[in-house]
């Protein structure tokens, strides 16, 4: 399973949407469930899925799928 597929499943699970809704370019405005509470759930799912401890400052900037994928790549979880 690719990093994107893992992220896709994590975000879909956190937001309770179909994984097909989450693409490599998805932003919060693309998914109605990705509101402020949904974002916290996404961040917790990312931490759990990739065994990370995100800093509070990261929560605000990790706000789109491309940005999260780049973060994961920079922190040794992406290829």
PDB file of N, CA and C in Angstrom:
ATOM      1  N   UNK A   1       0.851  -1.179   0.000  1.00  0.00           N
ATOM      2  CA  UNK A   1       0.000   0.000   0.000  1.00  0.00           C
ATOM      3  C   UNK A   1       0.893   1.237   0.000  1.00  0.00           C
ATOM      4  N   UNK A   2       0.644   2.142  -0.915  1.00  0.00           N
ATOM      5  CA  UNK A   2       1.450   3.360  -1.005  1.00  0.00           C
ATOM      6  C   UNK A   2       1.143   4.310   0.153  1.00  0.00           C
ATOM      7  N   UNK A   3       2.009   5.281   0.329  1.00  0.00           N
ATOM      8  CA  UNK A   3       1.789   6.290   1.367  1.00  0.00           C
ATOM      9  C   UNK A   3       0.472   7.016   1.098  1.00  0.00           C
ATOM     10  N   UNK A   4       0.229   7.365  -0.175  1.00  0.00           N
ATOM     11  CA  UNK A   4      -1.034   8.039  -0.483  1.00  0.00           C
ATOM     12  C   UNK A   4      -2.221   7.157  -0.127  1.00  0.00           C
ATOM     13  N   UNK A   5      -2.168   5.881  -0.459  1.00  0.00           N
ATOM     14  CA  UNK A   5      -3.288   4.981  -0.152  1.00  0.00           C
ATOM     15  C   UNK A   5      -3.512   4.865   1.351  1.00  0.00           C
ATOM     16  N   UNK A   6      -2.429   4.835   2.116  1.00  0.00           N
ATOM     17  CA  UNK A   6      -2.559   4.808   3.578  1.00  0.00           C
ATOM     18  C   UNK A   6      -3.192   6.102   4.075  1.00  0.00           C
ATOM     19  N   UNK A   7      -2.725   7.228   3.537  1.00  0.00           N
ATOM     20  CA  UNK A   7      -3.269   8.525   3.927  1.00  0.00           C
ATOM     21  C   UNK A   7      -4.732   8.638   3.514  1.00  0.00           C
ATOM     22  N   UNK A   8      -5.030   8.213   2.303  1.00  0.00           N
ATOM     23  CA  UNK A   8      -6.401   8.236   1.790  1.00  0.00           C
ATOM     24  C   UNK A   8      -7.336   7.457   2.721  1.00  0.00           C
ATOM     25  N   UNK A   9      -6.924   6.266   3.118  1.00  0.00           N
ATOM     26  CA  UNK A   9      -7.743   5.448   4.017  1.00  0.00           C
ATOM     27  C   UNK A   9      -7.887   6.106   5.385  1.00  0.00           C
ATOM     28  N   UNK A  10      -6.805   6.702   5.881  1.00  0.00           N
ATOM     29  CA  UNK A  10      -6.846   7.356   7.194  1.00  0.00           C
ATOM     30  C   UNK A  10      -7.793   8.551   7.183  1.00  0.00           C
ATOM     31  N   UNK A  11      -7.687   9.390   6.154  1.00  0.00           N
ATOM     32  CA  UNK A  11      -8.551  10.571   6.071  1.00  0.00           C
ATOM     33  C   UNK A  11      -9.997  10.158   5.866  1.00  0.00           C
ATOM     34  N   UNK A  12     -10.230   9.208   4.974  1.00  0.00           N
ATOM     35  CA  UNK A  12     -11.600   8.743   4.726  1.00  0.00           C
ATOM     36  C   UNK A  12     -12.216   8.182   6.003  1.00  0.00           C
ATOM     37  N   UNK A  13     -11.440   7.415   6.746  1.00  0.00           N
ATOM     38  CA  UNK A  13     -11.948   6.865   8.004  1.00  0.00           C
ATOM     39  C   UNK A  13     -12.242   7.946   9.029  1.00  0.00           C
ATOM     40  N   UNK A  14     -11.342   8.916   9.125  1.00  0.00           N
ATOM     41  CA  UNK A  14     -11.519  10.009  10.094  1.00  0.00           C
ATOM     42  C   UNK A  14     -12.746  10.846   9.770  1.00  0.00           C
ATOM     43  N   UNK A  15     -12.983  11.053   8.481  1.00  0.00           N
ATOM     44  CA  UNK A  15     -14.102  11.909   8.063  1.00  0.00           C
ATOM     45  C   UNK A  15     -15.370  11.130   7.739  1.00  0.00           C
ATOM     46  N   UNK A  16     -15.261   9.794   7.803  1.00  0.00           N
ATOM     47  CA  UNK A  16     -16.405   8.917   7.510  1.00  0.00           C
ATOM     48  C   UNK A  16     -16.965   9.169   6.103  1.00  0.00           C
ATOM     49  N   UNK A  17     -16.047   9.168   5.134  1.00  0.00           N
ATOM     50  CA  UNK A  17     -16.410   9.320   3.728  1.00  0.00           C
ATOM     51  C   UNK A  17     -15.763   8.177   2.940  1.00  0.00           C
ATOM     52  N   UNK A  18     -16.209   7.987   1.725  1.00  0.00           N
ATOM     53  CA  UNK A  18     -15.623   6.974   0.859  1.00  0.00           C
ATOM     54  C   UNK A  18     -14.186   7.367   0.508  1.00  0.00           C
ATOM     55  N   UNK A  19     -13.276   6.406   0.483  1.00  0.00           N
ATOM     56  CA  UNK A  19     -11.903   6.729   0.088  1.00  0.00           C
ATOM     57  C   UNK A  19     -11.816   7.363  -1.300  1.00  0.00           C
ATOM     58  N   UNK A  20     -12.753   7.075  -2.172  1.00  0.00           N
ATOM     59  CA  UNK A  20     -12.717   7.646  -3.521  1.00  0.00           C
ATOM     60  C   UNK A  20     -12.895   9.166  -3.511  1.00  0.00           C
ATOM     61  N   UNK A  21     -13.421   9.700  -2.415  1.00  0.00           N
ATOM     62  CA  UNK A  21     -13.606  11.152  -2.282  1.00  0.00           C
ATOM     63  C   UNK A  21     -12.256  11.846  -2.057  1.00  0.00           C
ATOM     64  N   UNK A  22     -11.301  11.111  -1.501  1.00  0.00           N
ATOM     65  CA  UNK A  22      -9.996  11.669  -1.161  1.00  0.00           C
ATOM     66  C   UNK A  22      -9.014  11.393  -2.300  1.00  0.00           C
ATOM     67  N   UNK A  23      -8.516  12.466  -2.909  1.00  0.00           N
ATOM     68  CA  UNK A  23      -7.548  12.331  -3.997  1.00  0.00           C
ATOM     69  C   UNK A  23      -6.229  12.978  -3.580  1.00  0.00           C
ATOM     70  N   UNK A  24      -5.242  12.904  -4.452  1.00  0.00           N
ATOM     71  CA  UNK A  24      -3.943  13.493  -4.134  1.00  0.00           C
ATOM     72  C   UNK A  24      -3.966  15.016  -4.135  1.00  0.00           C
ATOM     73  N   UNK A  25      -5.085  15.617  -4.524  1.00  0.00           N
ATOM     74  CA  UNK A  25      -5.199  17.077  -4.526  1.00  0.00           C
ATOM     75  C   UNK A  25      -6.314  17.592  -3.611  1.00  0.00           C
ATOM     76  N   UNK A  26      -6.883  16.724  -2.794  1.00  0.00           N
ATOM     77  CA  UNK A  26      -8.015  17.108  -1.945  1.00  0.00           C
ATOM     78  C   UNK A  26      -7.630  18.179  -0.929  1.00  0.00           C
ATOM     79  N   UNK A  27      -8.534  19.150  -0.804  1.00  0.00           N
ATOM     80  CA  UNK A  27      -8.424  20.213   0.191  1.00  0.00           C
ATOM     81  C   UNK A  27      -9.690  20.184   1.049  1.00  0.00           C
ATOM     82  N   UNK A  28      -9.662  20.799   2.220  1.00  0.00           N
ATOM     83  CA  UNK A  28     -10.834  20.765   3.095  1.00  0.00           C
ATOM     84  C   UNK A  28     -12.130  21.221   2.424  1.00  0.00           C
ATOM     85  N   UNK A  29     -12.075  22.231   1.571  1.00  0.00           N
ATOM     86  CA  UNK A  29     -13.301  22.718   0.947  1.00  0.00           C
ATOM     87  C   UNK A  29     -13.904  21.694  -0.017  1.00  0.00           C
ATOM     88  N   UNK A  30     -13.137  20.652  -0.365  1.00  0.00           N
ATOM     89  CA  UNK A  30     -13.634  19.609  -1.264  1.00  0.00           C
ATOM     90  C   UNK A  30     -14.489  18.566  -0.546  1.00  0.00           C
ATOM     91  N   UNK A  31     -14.397  18.522   0.779  1.00  0.00           N
ATOM     92  CA  UNK A  31     -15.090  17.495   1.570  1.00  0.00           C
ATOM     93  C   UNK A  31     -15.827  18.194   2.707  1.00  0.00           C
ATOM     94  N   UNK A  32     -17.145  18.151   2.690  1.00  0.00           N
ATOM     95  CA  UNK A  32     -17.920  18.899   3.688  1.00  0.00           C
ATOM     96  C   UNK A  32     -17.602  18.473   5.127  1.00  0.00           C
ATOM     97  N   UNK A  33     -17.222  17.226   5.322  1.00  0.00           N
ATOM     98  CA  UNK A  33     -16.913  16.751   6.673  1.00  0.00           C
ATOM     99  C   UNK A  33     -15.562  17.262   7.187  1.00  0.00           C
ATOM    100  N   UNK A  34     -14.749  17.846   6.299  1.00  0.00           N
ATOM    101  CA  UNK A  34     -13.429  18.331   6.704  1.00  0.00           C
ATOM    102  C   UNK A  34     -13.548  19.761   7.209  1.00  0.00           C
ATOM    103  N   UNK A  35     -14.242  19.893   8.341  1.00  0.00           N
ATOM    104  CA  UNK A  35     -14.369  21.179   9.019  1.00  0.00           C
ATOM    105  C   UNK A  35     -13.332  21.216  10.142  1.00  0.00           C
ATOM    106  N   UNK A  36     -13.457  22.123  11.088  1.00  0.00           N
ATOM    107  CA  UNK A  36     -12.430  22.236  12.129  1.00  0.00           C
ATOM    108  C   UNK A  36     -12.334  20.970  12.982  1.00  0.00           C
ATOM    109  N   UNK A  37     -13.465  20.394  13.352  1.00  0.00           N
ATOM    110  CA  UNK A  37     -13.441  19.148  14.114  1.00  0.00           C
ATOM    111  C   UNK A  37     -12.921  18.009  13.241  1.00  0.00           C
ATOM    112  N   UNK A  38     -13.355  17.976  12.005  1.00  0.00           N
ATOM    113  CA  UNK A  38     -12.864  16.964  11.070  1.00  0.00           C
ATOM    114  C   UNK A  38     -11.359  17.051  10.902  1.00  0.00           C
ATOM    115  N   UNK A  39     -10.830  18.274  10.886  1.00  0.00           N
ATOM    116  CA  UNK A  39      -9.385  18.447  10.727  1.00  0.00           C
ATOM    117  C   UNK A  39      -8.638  17.839  11.915  1.00  0.00           C
ATOM    118  N   UNK A  40      -9.149  18.035  13.113  1.00  0.00           N
ATOM    119  CA  UNK A  40      -8.518  17.420  14.288  1.00  0.00           C
ATOM    120  C   UNK A  40      -8.530  15.897  14.157  1.00  0.00           C
ATOM    121  N   UNK A  41      -9.641  15.352  13.677  1.00  0.00           N
ATOM    122  CA  UNK A  41      -9.737  13.911  13.485  1.00  0.00           C
ATOM    123  C   UNK A  41      -8.751  13.429  12.419  1.00  0.00           C
ATOM    124  N   UNK A  42      -8.589  14.215  11.364  1.00  0.00           N
ATOM    125  CA  UNK A  42      -7.613  13.881  10.316  1.00  0.00           C
ATOM    126  C   UNK A  42      -6.200  13.882  10.913  1.00  0.00           C
ATOM    127  N   UNK A  43      -5.867  14.888  11.701  1.00  0.00           N
ATOM    128  CA  UNK A  43      -4.533  14.965  12.292  1.00  0.00           C
ATOM    129  C   UNK A  43      -4.269  13.773  13.212  1.00  0.00           C
ATOM    130  N   UNK A  44      -5.256  13.399  14.002  1.00  0.00           N
ATOM    131  CA  UNK A  44      -5.091  12.241  14.885  1.00  0.00           C
ATOM    132  C   UNK A  44      -4.932  10.955  14.074  1.00  0.00           C
ATOM    133  N   UNK A  45      -5.667  10.844  12.980  1.00  0.00           N
ATOM    134  CA  UNK A  45      -5.558   9.668  12.114  1.00  0.00           C
ATOM    135  C   UNK A  45      -4.179   9.601  11.455  1.00  0.00           C
ATOM    136  N   UNK A  46      -3.645  10.758  11.042  1.00  0.00           N
ATOM    137  CA  UNK A  46      -2.304  10.794  10.456  1.00  0.00           C
ATOM    138  C   UNK A  46      -1.272  10.349  11.491  1.00  0.00           C
ATOM    139  N   UNK A  47      -1.395  10.861  12.708  1.00  0.00           N
ATOM    140  CA  UNK A  47      -0.465  10.466  13.772  1.00  0.00           C
ATOM    141  C   UNK A  47      -0.500   8.959  13.997  1.00  0.00           C
ATOM    142  N   UNK A  48      -1.698   8.423  14.085  1.00  0.00           N
ATOM    143  CA  UNK A  48      -1.868   7.001  14.372  1.00  0.00           C
ATOM    144  C   UNK A  48      -1.383   6.137  13.206  1.00  0.00           C
ATOM    145  N   UNK A  49      -1.765   6.491  11.993  1.00  0.00           N
ATOM    146  CA  UNK A  49      -1.421   5.699  10.817  1.00  0.00           C
ATOM    147  C   UNK A  49       0.076   5.669  10.558  1.00  0.00           C
ATOM    148  N   UNK A  50       0.731   6.805  10.749  1.00  0.00           N
ATOM    149  CA  UNK A  50       2.152   6.914  10.412  1.00  0.00           C
ATOM    150  C   UNK A  50       3.058   6.946  11.641  1.00  0.00           C
ATOM    151  N   UNK A  51       2.501   6.668  12.817  1.00  0.00           N
ATOM    152  CA  UNK A  51       3.256   6.617  14.063  1.00  0.00           C
ATOM    153  C   UNK A  51       4.078   7.890  14.267  1.00  0.00           C
ATOM    154  N   UNK A  52       3.375   9.018  14.206  1.00  0.00           N
ATOM    155  CA  UNK A  52       3.996  10.334  14.364  1.00  0.00           C
ATOM    156  C   UNK A  52       3.426  11.040  15.591  1.00  0.00           C
ATOM    157  N   UNK A  53       4.192  12.001  16.074  1.00  0.00           N
ATOM    158  CA  UNK A  53       3.678  12.938  17.071  1.00  0.00           C
ATOM    159  C   UNK A  53       3.782  14.314  16.443  1.00  0.00           C
ATOM    160  N   UNK A  54       2.654  14.838  15.989  1.00  0.00           N
ATOM    161  CA  UNK A  54       2.642  16.157  15.364  1.00  0.00           C
ATOM    162  C   UNK A  54       2.663  17.239  16.428  1.00  0.00           C
ATOM    163  N   UNK A  55       3.317  18.336  16.109  1.00  0.00           N
ATOM    164  CA  UNK A  55       3.297  19.503  16.973  1.00  0.00           C
ATOM    165  C   UNK A  55       2.004  20.271  16.694  1.00  0.00           C
ATOM    166  N   UNK A  56       1.523  21.006  17.667  1.00  0.00           N
ATOM    167  CA  UNK A  56       0.304  21.785  17.495  1.00  0.00           C
ATOM    168  C   UNK A  56       0.440  22.733  16.307  1.00  0.00           C
ATOM    169  N   UNK A  57       1.632  23.281  16.120  1.00  0.00           N
ATOM    170  CA  UNK A  57       1.865  24.200  15.006  1.00  0.00           C
ATOM    171  C   UNK A  57       1.664  23.499  13.657  1.00  0.00           C
ATOM    172  N   UNK A  58       1.952  22.194  13.610  1.00  0.00           N
ATOM    173  CA  UNK A  58       1.790  21.436  12.372  1.00  0.00           C
ATOM    174  C   UNK A  58       0.323  21.309  11.977  1.00  0.00           C
ATOM    175  N   UNK A  59      -0.561  21.259  12.955  1.00  0.00           N
ATOM    176  CA  UNK A  59      -1.986  21.062  12.669  1.00  0.00           C
ATOM    177  C   UNK A  59      -2.499  22.118  11.686  1.00  0.00           C
ATOM    178  N   UNK A  60      -2.122  23.366  11.894  1.00  0.00           N
ATOM    179  CA  UNK A  60      -2.629  24.453  11.057  1.00  0.00           C
ATOM    180  C   UNK A  60      -2.087  24.380   9.636  1.00  0.00           C
ATOM    181  N   UNK A  61      -0.827  23.983   9.483  1.00  0.00           N
ATOM    182  CA  UNK A  61      -0.256  23.990   8.135  1.00  0.00           C
ATOM    183  C   UNK A  61      -0.503  22.706   7.364  1.00  0.00           C
ATOM    184  N   UNK A  62      -0.793  21.613   8.039  1.00  0.00           N
ATOM    185  CA  UNK A  62      -1.061  20.346   7.360  1.00  0.00           C
ATOM    186  C   UNK A  62      -2.547  20.284   7.013  1.00  0.00           C
ATOM    187  N   UNK A  63      -2.950  21.132   6.067  1.00  0.00           N
ATOM    188  CA  UNK A  63      -4.377  21.322   5.826  1.00  0.00           C
ATOM    189  C   UNK A  63      -4.857  20.893   4.442  1.00  0.00           C
ATOM    190  N   UNK A  64      -4.001  20.230   3.666  1.00  0.00           N
ATOM    191  CA  UNK A  64      -4.427  19.669   2.389  1.00  0.00           C
ATOM    192  C   UNK A  64      -3.692  18.342   2.188  1.00  0.00           C
ATOM    193  N   UNK A  65      -4.225  17.501   1.338  1.00  0.00           N
ATOM    194  CA  UNK A  65      -3.565  16.222   1.080  1.00  0.00           C
ATOM    195  C   UNK A  65      -2.157  16.436   0.517  1.00  0.00           C
ATOM    196  N   UNK A  66      -1.951  17.327  -0.473  1.00  0.00           N
ATOM    197  CA  UNK A  66      -0.580  17.510  -0.980  1.00  0.00           C
ATOM    198  C   UNK A  66       0.408  17.948   0.100  1.00  0.00           C
ATOM    199  N   UNK A  67      -0.016  18.831   0.991  1.00  0.00           N
ATOM    200  CA  UNK A  67       0.875  19.316   2.056  1.00  0.00           C
ATOM    201  C   UNK A  67       1.179  18.184   3.044  1.00  0.00           C
ATOM    202  N   UNK A  68       0.178  17.390   3.375  1.00  0.00           N
ATOM    203  CA  UNK A  68       0.393  16.265   4.290  1.00  0.00           C
ATOM    204  C   UNK A  68       1.350  15.252   3.652  1.00  0.00           C
ATOM    205  N   UNK A  69       1.144  14.951   2.369  1.00  0.00           N
ATOM    206  CA  UNK A  69       2.042  14.016   1.679  1.00  0.00           C
ATOM    207  C   UNK A  69       3.483  14.537   1.677  1.00  0.00           C
ATOM    208  N   UNK A  70       3.655  15.820   1.433  1.00  0.00           N
ATOM    209  CA  UNK A  70       5.001  16.405   1.449  1.00  0.00           C
ATOM    210  C   UNK A  70       5.616  16.294   2.840  1.00  0.00           C
ATOM    211  N   UNK A  71       4.836  16.569   3.868  1.00  0.00           N
ATOM    212  CA  UNK A  71       5.312  16.446   5.259  1.00  0.00           C
ATOM    213  C   UNK A  71       5.759  15.014   5.527  1.00  0.00           C
ATOM    214  N   UNK A  72       4.952  14.055   5.112  1.00  0.00           N
ATOM    215  CA  UNK A  72       5.290  12.655   5.337  1.00  0.00           C
ATOM    216  C   UNK A  72       6.588  12.290   4.616  1.00  0.00           C
ATOM    217  N   UNK A  73       6.756  12.783   3.403  1.00  0.00           N
ATOM    218  CA  UNK A  73       7.975  12.523   2.637  1.00  0.00           C
ATOM    219  C   UNK A  73       9.197  13.111   3.357  1.00  0.00           C
ATOM    220  N   UNK A  74       9.050  14.333   3.852  1.00  0.00           N
ATOM    221  CA  UNK A  74      10.146  14.997   4.547  1.00  0.00           C
ATOM    222  C   UNK A  74      10.507  14.310   5.868  1.00  0.00           C
ATOM    223  N   UNK A  75       9.545  13.604   6.440  1.00  0.00           N
ATOM    224  CA  UNK A  75       9.776  12.954   7.727  1.00  0.00           C
ATOM    225  C   UNK A  75       9.920  11.427   7.602  1.00  0.00           C
ATOM    226  N   UNK A  76      10.334  11.000   6.415  1.00  0.00           N
ATOM    227  CA  UNK A  76      10.702   9.601   6.222  1.00  0.00           C
ATOM    228  C   UNK A  76       9.561   8.627   6.048  1.00  0.00           C
ATOM    229  N   UNK A  77       8.350   9.124   5.774  1.00  0.00           N
ATOM    230  CA  UNK A  77       7.220   8.228   5.612  1.00  0.00           C
ATOM    231  C   UNK A  77       6.689   8.199   4.175  1.00  0.00           C
ATOM    232  N   UNK A  78       7.325   8.907   3.300  1.00  0.00           N
ATOM    233  CA  UNK A  78       6.856   8.939   1.917  1.00  0.00           C
ATOM    234  C   UNK A  78       7.959   8.533   0.974  1.00  0.00           C
ATOM    235  N   UNK A  79       7.563   8.251  -0.251  1.00  0.00           N
ATOM    236  CA  UNK A  79       8.599   7.892  -1.215  1.00  0.00           C
ATOM    237  C   UNK A  79       8.457   8.743  -2.456  1.00  0.00           C
TER     238      UNK A  79
END
